[in-house]
C-alpha cells in the first residue's frame, strides 16, 4: 500500500482530495494531512510516507521549499505537485526539483479521477523500477535487448536499467493501440488474439519500467471485471527482470480471467461474444443496457445469449448488471461528494428513489447511510 501525505493550506481542498479520489482502488492510503511545508516535515519525521501530494503557494514554508527539503532528507519519497498553473516552463521547474508528476486542479473538476490516479501510480512504478539499479545511459538499447532476449535461468544484473520514455506522437499512438487491444479481452478466449497481443507488446520494446507501468494500468481494467465476478484481484509483480517473466504473468492472468468469465464447453467464438458483452457493460454503466440489445450487438439470439452469460459469469445478465452498478455506486459514495441524483444517473438509474430502493435491497443500507458509515471510517488529521 502506497502511503500518502496531502499538503495544502486550504482545509477544504485537503478534505476534498482525501474523500473524492479513489485511493484504495489504486493501492494507496492517505495517512495524513498538513497545512504547510513545515508541518509536513514534522509529519515525515514521525511517519512513513511514500507519496507527497503538495500545493506550492503556502505560508510558513512553500511547496518549492518543501520539495527541496524532502529531496535532501527523504529521497525515496515520490512527489506530485498540485497546481493551478499549466504553464510549461512553470511545470518544468517543478519537475527539475524532483516532482514525478503534477495535477492541474482543473483535472479534478472534470471527474477524470481514474486517469489522474492511474497516471500517478504508473509514474511511481516507473521510478521504483528505474531506481532499482544504476542507469547506464550509453547501454539503453543493450539493456532492452537483454531484457527481451533473456531466457529462464539467465542472470541479468542490468535488466532493470532504464531511460525516460519520452512521449512522441508515434509511441503515444502505439501505446493507445496496445491499451485498446489489452482491454478488449478478446484474447482471453481466443488463443490467436492472445499471441498477437504478446507479439505486438514485445515488438513495441518498451523500456522495462514503462512496460511495467503500462501493464499495471491494464490490470486496473482487468480487475474491474475479474473482481466483480470473483470478489478477488489478479496480481502482477511491481517489477519484471525479463520478458519471459512478463509473458508468464500474462498467461496466468489470461487463465484467471478465462476461469472467471468462461466455461470450457463453449466455443471460442461464444466466449469472445460474452467477453465483449461484459466489457461493454462496464464501459456503458450509466447508459440503458438491455440483454436483448446486447445479444444483437454480439450476434447471438436472446435466449442463447442469456444461457451462455449465466453459465460463464455465474449470474444472470440483470443480476450482474445490478451488481456492478451497485459496486460503482459504493465507490462514488465513499470517494466523492456527488449528490444522490448524480450518482443514480451515473450508475444507470434515472429515478433516484428506485436507485435508493435497489441499493437498500443489495446492501441493507440507504445510500446516505452507506456514505456516512464508509466516510466516518477515514480519520482526518490536521497536523
Protein backbone atom coordinates (compact mmCIF):
# COMPACT_ATOMS: atom_id res chain seq x y z
CA UNK A 1 0.00 0.00 0.00
CA UNK A 2 1.39 3.41 -1.05
CA UNK A 3 1.19 5.80 1.94
CA UNK A 4 0.20 9.37 1.00
CA UNK A 5 0.59 12.75 2.74
CA UNK A 6 -1.53 15.67 1.43
CA UNK A 7 -0.12 19.17 1.95
CA UNK A 8 -2.26 22.25 1.24
CA UNK A 9 -3.06 25.36 3.26
CA UNK A 10 -6.76 25.10 2.34
CA UNK A 11 -8.53 22.67 4.70
CA UNK A 12 -11.42 22.13 2.26
CA UNK A 13 -9.01 21.21 -0.54
CA UNK A 14 -7.32 18.63 1.69
CA UNK A 15 -10.62 17.10 2.77
CA UNK A 16 -11.89 17.12 -0.80
CA UNK A 17 -8.81 15.36 -2.17
CA UNK A 18 -8.99 12.80 0.60
CA UNK A 19 -12.65 11.99 0.04
CA UNK A 20 -13.13 12.22 -3.72
CA UNK A 21 -10.13 10.34 -5.12
CA UNK A 22 -10.37 6.51 -5.26
CA UNK A 23 -7.20 5.89 -3.24
CA UNK A 24 -7.87 2.27 -2.26
CA UNK A 25 -8.63 1.22 -5.82
CA UNK A 26 -5.08 2.24 -6.73
CA UNK A 27 -3.43 0.65 -3.66
CA UNK A 28 -2.93 3.98 -1.92
CA UNK A 29 -3.79 5.17 1.59
CA UNK A 30 -3.89 8.75 2.87
CA UNK A 31 -2.07 8.62 6.21
CA UNK A 32 -2.06 12.32 6.99
CA UNK A 33 -2.57 15.97 6.07
CA UNK A 34 -0.53 19.12 6.66
CA UNK A 35 -1.32 22.80 6.13
CA UNK A 36 2.19 23.93 5.17
CA UNK A 37 5.69 22.64 4.42
CA UNK A 38 6.91 22.96 7.99
CA UNK A 39 4.06 20.85 9.36
CA UNK A 40 4.67 18.34 6.57
CA UNK A 41 8.31 17.88 7.60
CA UNK A 42 7.20 17.33 11.21
CA UNK A 43 4.83 14.62 9.99
CA UNK A 44 7.52 12.99 7.82
CA UNK A 45 9.87 12.80 10.81
CA UNK A 46 7.33 10.68 12.66
CA UNK A 47 5.50 8.70 9.95
CA UNK A 48 6.46 6.63 6.91
CA UNK A 49 5.29 8.22 3.66
CA UNK A 50 5.76 7.01 0.06
CA UNK A 51 3.99 9.79 -1.85
CA UNK A 52 3.81 13.51 -1.10
CA UNK A 53 1.00 15.45 -2.78
CA UNK A 54 1.70 19.15 -2.24
CA UNK A 55 0.44 22.57 -3.22
CA UNK A 56 3.06 25.22 -3.97
CA UNK A 57 1.70 28.53 -2.64
CA UNK A 58 1.57 28.06 1.14
CA UNK A 59 2.50 30.21 4.16
CA UNK A 60 5.42 29.47 6.56
CA UNK A 61 7.14 27.11 4.09
CA UNK A 62 6.16 26.94 0.42
CA UNK A 63 5.78 23.82 -1.67
CA UNK A 64 9.04 24.57 -3.52
CA UNK A 65 10.94 24.82 -0.23
CA UNK A 66 9.30 21.63 0.98
CA UNK A 67 10.29 19.78 -2.20
CA UNK A 68 13.95 20.81 -1.79
CA UNK A 69 13.95 19.60 1.84
CA UNK A 70 12.25 16.30 1.01
CA UNK A 71 14.62 15.57 -1.87
CA UNK A 72 17.54 16.04 0.52
CA UNK A 73 16.16 14.29 3.61
CA UNK A 74 13.79 11.69 2.12
CA UNK A 75 14.95 10.92 -1.44
CA UNK A 76 12.79 7.77 -1.58
CA UNK A 77 9.54 9.78 -1.37
CA UNK A 78 7.76 10.45 -4.67
CA UNK A 79 6.40 13.99 -5.06
CA UNK A 80 3.36 15.11 -7.05
CA UNK A 81 2.58 18.82 -7.31
CA UNK A 82 -0.99 20.12 -7.04
CA UNK A 83 -1.23 23.35 -9.00
CA UNK A 84 -3.46 25.88 -10.70
CA UNK A 85 -0.70 26.58 -13.20
CA UNK A 86 -0.44 24.76 -16.53
CA UNK A 87 2.41 26.86 -17.93
CA UNK A 88 5.03 24.55 -19.45
CA UNK A 89 8.07 26.37 -18.00
CA UNK A 90 6.48 26.52 -14.56
CA UNK A 91 5.80 22.79 -14.65
CA UNK A 92 9.37 22.09 -15.80
CA UNK A 93 10.66 23.93 -12.73
CA UNK A 94 8.67 21.56 -10.53
CA UNK A 95 9.96 18.51 -12.38
CA UNK A 96 13.54 19.72 -12.07
CA UNK A 97 13.05 19.93 -8.31
CA UNK A 98 12.18 16.24 -8.28
CA UNK A 99 8.42 16.02 -8.81
CA UNK A 100 7.42 12.91 -10.74
CA UNK A 101 4.16 14.46 -11.95
CA UNK A 102 1.69 17.27 -11.40
CA UNK A 103 -2.07 17.52 -11.07
CA UNK A 104 -3.72 20.61 -12.52
CA UNK A 105 -6.73 21.39 -10.32
CA UNK A 106 -8.89 21.65 -13.42
CA UNK A 107 -8.41 17.89 -13.85
CA UNK A 108 -10.20 17.34 -10.56
CA UNK A 109 -13.15 19.39 -11.78
CA UNK A 110 -13.79 17.14 -14.77
CA UNK A 111 -14.23 13.82 -12.93
CA UNK A 112 -11.05 12.40 -14.50
CA UNK A 113 -10.14 10.65 -11.26
CA UNK A 114 -9.19 7.30 -12.82
CA UNK A 115 -6.92 8.98 -15.36
CA UNK A 116 -5.17 11.03 -12.66
CA UNK A 117 -4.72 8.15 -10.23
CA UNK A 118 -3.63 5.68 -12.88
CA UNK A 119 -1.05 8.14 -14.20
CA UNK A 120 0.39 8.79 -10.74
CA UNK A 121 0.63 5.10 -9.86
CA UNK A 122 2.30 4.45 -13.20
CA UNK A 123 4.89 7.17 -12.53
CA UNK A 124 5.64 5.72 -9.09
CA UNK A 125 6.18 2.26 -10.55
CA UNK A 126 8.45 3.71 -13.24
CA UNK A 127 10.56 5.48 -10.64
CA UNK A 128 10.75 2.39 -8.45
CA UNK A 129 11.96 0.28 -11.37
CA UNK A 130 14.46 2.87 -12.58
CA UNK A 131 15.93 3.24 -9.10
CA UNK A 132 16.38 -0.50 -8.65
CA UNK A 133 19.82 -0.27 -10.33
CA UNK A 134 22.17 2.46 -11.59
CA UNK A 135 21.31 3.87 -15.00
CA UNK A 136 23.89 3.39 -17.75
CA UNK A 137 22.70 5.79 -20.41
CA UNK A 138 25.02 4.56 -23.17
CA UNK A 139 23.73 0.98 -22.86
CA UNK A 140 19.97 1.55 -23.03
CA UNK A 141 19.49 -0.43 -26.24
CA UNK A 142 21.71 -3.24 -24.97
CA UNK A 143 19.68 -3.34 -21.77
CA UNK A 144 16.42 -3.62 -23.70
CA UNK A 145 17.89 -6.42 -25.82
CA UNK A 146 18.96 -8.30 -22.71
CA UNK A 147 15.52 -7.82 -21.15
CA UNK A 148 13.59 -9.09 -24.18
CA UNK A 149 16.04 -11.80 -25.32
CA UNK A 150 16.81 -13.37 -21.93
CA UNK A 151 15.87 -16.99 -21.24
CA UNK A 152 14.89 -18.60 -17.90
CA UNK A 153 17.90 -19.22 -15.68
CA UNK A 154 19.94 -16.39 -17.17
CA UNK A 155 21.07 -13.79 -14.62
CA UNK A 156 20.53 -10.21 -15.72
CA UNK A 157 22.24 -7.69 -13.46
CA UNK A 158 21.22 -4.80 -15.72
CA UNK A 159 17.65 -5.84 -16.57
CA UNK A 160 16.03 -3.07 -14.62
CA UNK A 161 18.13 -0.27 -16.10
CA UNK A 162 16.03 2.23 -17.96
CA UNK A 163 15.85 5.63 -19.53
CA UNK A 164 12.95 8.06 -19.53
CA UNK A 165 10.37 7.15 -22.15
CA UNK A 166 9.96 10.45 -23.97
CA UNK A 167 6.43 10.93 -25.35
CA UNK A 168 6.12 11.40 -29.11
CA UNK A 169 3.02 11.15 -31.34
CA UNK A 170 4.22 7.80 -32.71
CA UNK A 171 4.84 5.98 -29.43
CA UNK A 172 1.79 7.52 -27.76
CA UNK A 173 -0.36 6.19 -30.63
CA UNK A 174 1.33 2.82 -30.25
CA UNK A 175 0.50 2.70 -26.54
CA UNK A 176 -3.09 3.74 -27.24
CA UNK A 177 -3.48 0.85 -29.71
CA UNK A 178 -1.90 -1.62 -27.28
CA UNK A 179 -4.14 -0.42 -24.47
CA UNK A 180 -7.23 -0.82 -26.64
CA UNK A 181 -6.18 -4.35 -27.58
CA UNK A 182 -5.34 -5.25 -23.99
CA UNK A 183 -8.66 -4.05 -22.58
CA UNK A 184 -10.79 -5.59 -25.34
CA UNK A 185 -10.42 -9.03 -23.66
CA UNK A 186 -10.96 -10.88 -26.94
CA UNK A 187 -7.58 -12.52 -26.25
CA UNK A 188 -8.92 -14.11 -23.06
CA UNK A 189 -10.78 -16.81 -25.01
CA UNK A 190 -9.05 -16.63 -28.39
CA UNK A 191 -5.52 -18.01 -28.49
CA UNK A 192 -4.62 -16.32 -31.77
CA UNK A 193 -5.61 -12.90 -30.38
CA UNK A 194 -3.55 -13.53 -27.24
CA UNK A 195 -0.49 -14.50 -29.31
CA UNK A 196 -0.94 -11.36 -31.40
CA UNK A 197 -1.20 -9.19 -28.27
CA UNK A 198 2.03 -10.68 -26.87
CA UNK A 199 3.79 -10.22 -30.20
CA UNK A 200 2.70 -6.58 -30.52
CA UNK A 201 3.67 -5.83 -26.93
CA UNK A 202 7.12 -7.37 -27.36
CA UNK A 203 7.66 -5.66 -30.70
CA UNK A 204 6.95 -2.30 -29.04
CA UNK A 205 10.13 -2.90 -26.98
CA UNK A 206 9.05 -0.55 -24.18
CA UNK A 207 11.75 0.14 -21.59
CA UNK A 208 11.23 -2.24 -18.64
CA UNK A 209 9.90 0.44 -16.28
CA UNK A 210 7.43 1.79 -18.84
CA UNK A 211 6.31 -1.75 -19.70
CA UNK A 212 5.64 -2.47 -16.02
CA UNK A 213 3.64 0.74 -15.58
CA UNK A 214 1.68 0.02 -18.76
CA UNK A 215 0.71 -3.49 -17.60
CA UNK A 216 -0.41 -2.19 -14.21
CA UNK A 217 -2.63 0.33 -15.98
CA UNK A 218 -4.23 -2.54 -17.93
CA UNK A 219 -4.56 -4.54 -14.71
CA UNK A 220 -6.96 -1.95 -13.30
CA UNK A 221 -9.34 -2.59 -16.19
CA UNK A 222 -9.00 -6.37 -15.96
CA UNK A 223 -9.67 -6.36 -12.21
CA UNK A 224 -12.87 -4.35 -12.58
CA UNK A 225 -14.31 -7.34 -14.41
CA UNK A 226 -12.49 -10.11 -12.54
CA UNK A 227 -13.30 -8.72 -9.08
CA UNK A 228 -16.96 -8.17 -9.95
CA UNK A 229 -17.30 -11.93 -10.56
CA UNK A 230 -14.83 -13.45 -8.08
CA UNK A 231 -14.54 -10.71 -5.40
CA UNK A 232 -10.76 -11.20 -5.71
CA UNK A 233 -7.94 -9.40 -7.55
CA UNK A 234 -5.43 -10.51 -10.16
CA UNK A 235 -1.91 -9.64 -9.01
CA UNK A 236 1.15 -8.61 -11.05
CA UNK A 237 4.69 -8.07 -9.76
CA UNK A 238 5.83 -4.48 -9.31
CA UNK A 239 8.99 -5.21 -11.34
CA UNK A 240 10.00 -7.70 -14.03
CA UNK A 241 13.51 -8.99 -14.64
CA UNK A 242 12.98 -10.16 -18.22
CA UNK A 243 10.35 -10.52 -20.94
CA UNK A 244 9.75 -14.22 -20.25
CA UNK A 245 8.53 -13.25 -16.77
CA UNK A 246 6.06 -10.80 -18.34
CA UNK A 247 4.79 -13.48 -20.71
CA UNK A 248 4.37 -15.99 -17.87
CA UNK A 249 2.39 -13.49 -15.77
CA UNK A 250 0.15 -12.58 -18.70
CA UNK A 251 -0.61 -16.25 -19.35
CA UNK A 252 -1.61 -16.67 -15.70
CA UNK A 253 -3.76 -13.52 -15.87
CA UNK A 254 -5.43 -14.86 -19.01
CA UNK A 255 -6.17 -18.18 -17.29
CA UNK A 256 -7.69 -16.37 -14.30
CA UNK A 257 -9.89 -14.18 -16.50
CA UNK A 258 -10.96 -17.16 -18.61
CA UNK A 259 -11.94 -19.10 -15.49
CA UNK A 260 -13.95 -16.14 -14.22
CA UNK A 261 -15.90 -15.34 -17.38
CA UNK A 262 -15.98 -18.55 -19.38
CA UNK A 263 -16.59 -22.29 -19.26
CA UNK A 264 -14.64 -24.79 -21.43
CA UNK A 265 -17.69 -26.39 -23.05
CA UNK A 266 -18.38 -23.29 -25.13
CA UNK A 267 -16.59 -22.43 -28.35
CA UNK A 268 -14.02 -19.65 -28.54
CA UNK A 269 -16.47 -17.59 -30.61
CA UNK A 270 -19.13 -17.75 -27.90
CA UNK A 271 -16.61 -16.94 -25.18
CA UNK A 272 -15.44 -13.96 -27.21
CA UNK A 273 -19.03 -12.70 -27.55
CA UNK A 274 -19.67 -12.91 -23.81
CA UNK A 275 -16.34 -11.23 -23.04
CA UNK A 276 -17.28 -8.36 -25.37
CA UNK A 277 -20.66 -8.05 -23.65
CA UNK A 278 -19.10 -7.96 -20.17
CA UNK A 279 -16.60 -5.30 -21.27
CA UNK A 280 -19.38 -3.19 -22.82
CA UNK A 281 -21.45 -3.39 -19.64
CA UNK A 282 -18.59 -1.93 -17.61
CA UNK A 283 -17.86 0.78 -20.16
CA UNK A 284 -21.52 1.84 -20.55
CA UNK A 285 -22.61 1.60 -16.94
CA UNK A 286 -24.52 4.89 -16.98
CA UNK A 287 -26.46 4.04 -20.16
CA UNK A 288 -29.58 1.89 -20.56
CA UNK A 289 -28.28 -1.67 -21.01
CA UNK A 290 -30.76 -4.33 -22.10
CA UNK A 291 -30.00 -8.02 -22.57
CA UNK A 292 -31.85 -8.31 -25.89
CA UNK A 293 -29.96 -5.36 -27.38
CA UNK A 294 -26.63 -6.65 -26.08
CA UNK A 295 -27.37 -10.04 -27.62
CA UNK A 296 -27.92 -8.38 -31.00
CA UNK A 297 -24.66 -6.46 -30.67
CA UNK A 298 -22.68 -9.67 -30.25
CA UNK A 299 -24.71 -11.55 -32.91
CA UNK A 300 -26.42 -14.05 -30.62
CA UNK A 301 -30.06 -14.92 -30.05
CA UNK A 302 -31.62 -13.53 -26.89
CA UNK A 303 -32.25 -16.90 -25.24
CA UNK A 304 -28.86 -18.43 -26.10
CA UNK A 305 -27.05 -15.28 -25.02
CA UNK A 306 -28.81 -15.36 -21.63
CA UNK A 307 -27.98 -19.04 -21.14
CA UNK A 308 -24.31 -18.60 -22.07
CA UNK A 309 -23.97 -15.46 -19.98
CA UNK A 310 -25.29 -17.13 -16.84
CA UNK A 311 -23.12 -20.23 -17.35
CA UNK A 312 -19.94 -18.24 -17.91
CA UNK A 313 -20.36 -15.34 -15.49
CA UNK A 314 -22.20 -17.24 -12.76
CA UNK A 315 -25.24 -14.95 -12.62
CA UNK A 316 -27.90 -13.67 -14.99
CA UNK A 317 -27.33 -10.63 -17.18
CA UNK A 318 -29.55 -8.41 -14.99
CA UNK A 319 -28.04 -9.73 -11.74
CA UNK A 320 -24.54 -8.97 -12.99
CA UNK A 321 -25.54 -5.53 -14.26
CA UNK A 322 -27.10 -4.66 -10.91
CA UNK A 323 -24.04 -5.96 -9.06
CA UNK A 324 -21.52 -3.84 -10.98
CA UNK A 325 -23.78 -0.79 -10.78
CA UNK A 326 -24.01 -1.12 -7.01
CA UNK A 327 -20.24 -1.59 -6.74
CA UNK A 328 -19.70 1.62 -8.71
CA UNK A 329 -22.31 3.42 -6.57
CA UNK A 330 -20.39 2.39 -3.45
CA UNK A 331 -17.21 3.88 -4.93
CA UNK A 332 -18.95 7.17 -5.67
CA UNK A 333 -20.49 7.30 -2.21
CA UNK A 334 -17.21 6.56 -0.45
CA UNK A 335 -14.76 8.56 -2.53
CA UNK A 336 -16.76 11.56 -3.84
CA UNK A 337 -19.16 14.18 -2.54
CA UNK A 338 -21.50 13.89 -5.54
CA UNK A 339 -25.20 14.14 -4.69
CA UNK A 340 -27.57 11.17 -4.90
CA UNK A 341 -29.19 12.25 -8.16
CA UNK A 342 -25.80 12.45 -9.87
CA UNK A 343 -24.75 9.04 -8.53
CA UNK A 344 -28.01 7.38 -9.53
CA UNK A 345 -27.78 8.77 -13.07
CA UNK A 346 -24.13 7.76 -13.45
CA UNK A 347 -24.91 4.20 -12.41
CA UNK A 348 -27.78 3.79 -14.84
CA UNK A 349 -30.80 4.82 -12.72
CA UNK A 350 -32.80 7.85 -13.86
CA UNK A 351 -35.14 7.53 -10.86
CA UNK A 352 -33.32 8.38 -7.64
CA UNK A 353 -35.96 6.73 -5.44
CA UNK A 354 -35.70 3.49 -7.39
CA UNK A 355 -31.90 3.66 -7.11
CA UNK A 356 -32.18 4.07 -3.33
CA UNK A 357 -34.56 1.11 -3.09
CA UNK A 358 -32.28 -1.15 -5.16
CA UNK A 359 -29.25 -0.04 -3.12
CA UNK A 360 -31.08 -0.84 0.13
CA UNK A 361 -32.11 -4.27 -1.14
CA UNK A 362 -28.50 -5.02 -2.10
CA UNK A 363 -26.70 -3.62 0.96
CA UNK A 364 -29.28 -3.30 3.74
CA UNK A 365 -28.47 0.43 3.96
CA UNK A 366 -29.72 3.59 2.30
CA UNK A 367 -27.10 5.33 0.13
CA UNK A 368 -26.83 8.20 2.62
CA UNK A 369 -26.29 5.74 5.48
CA UNK A 370 -23.64 3.89 3.49
CA UNK A 371 -21.79 7.15 2.72
CA UNK A 372 -21.82 8.21 6.37
CA UNK A 373 -20.61 4.80 7.53
CA UNK A 374 -17.89 4.50 4.86
CA UNK A 375 -16.52 8.01 5.22
CA UNK A 376 -16.61 8.09 9.02
CA UNK A 377 -14.02 5.33 9.00
CA UNK A 378 -11.44 7.70 7.47
CA UNK A 379 -9.64 9.57 10.23
CA UNK A 380 -8.96 13.20 9.30
CA UNK A 381 -5.79 14.78 10.67
CA UNK A 382 -4.60 18.38 10.51
CA UNK A 383 -1.00 18.41 11.67
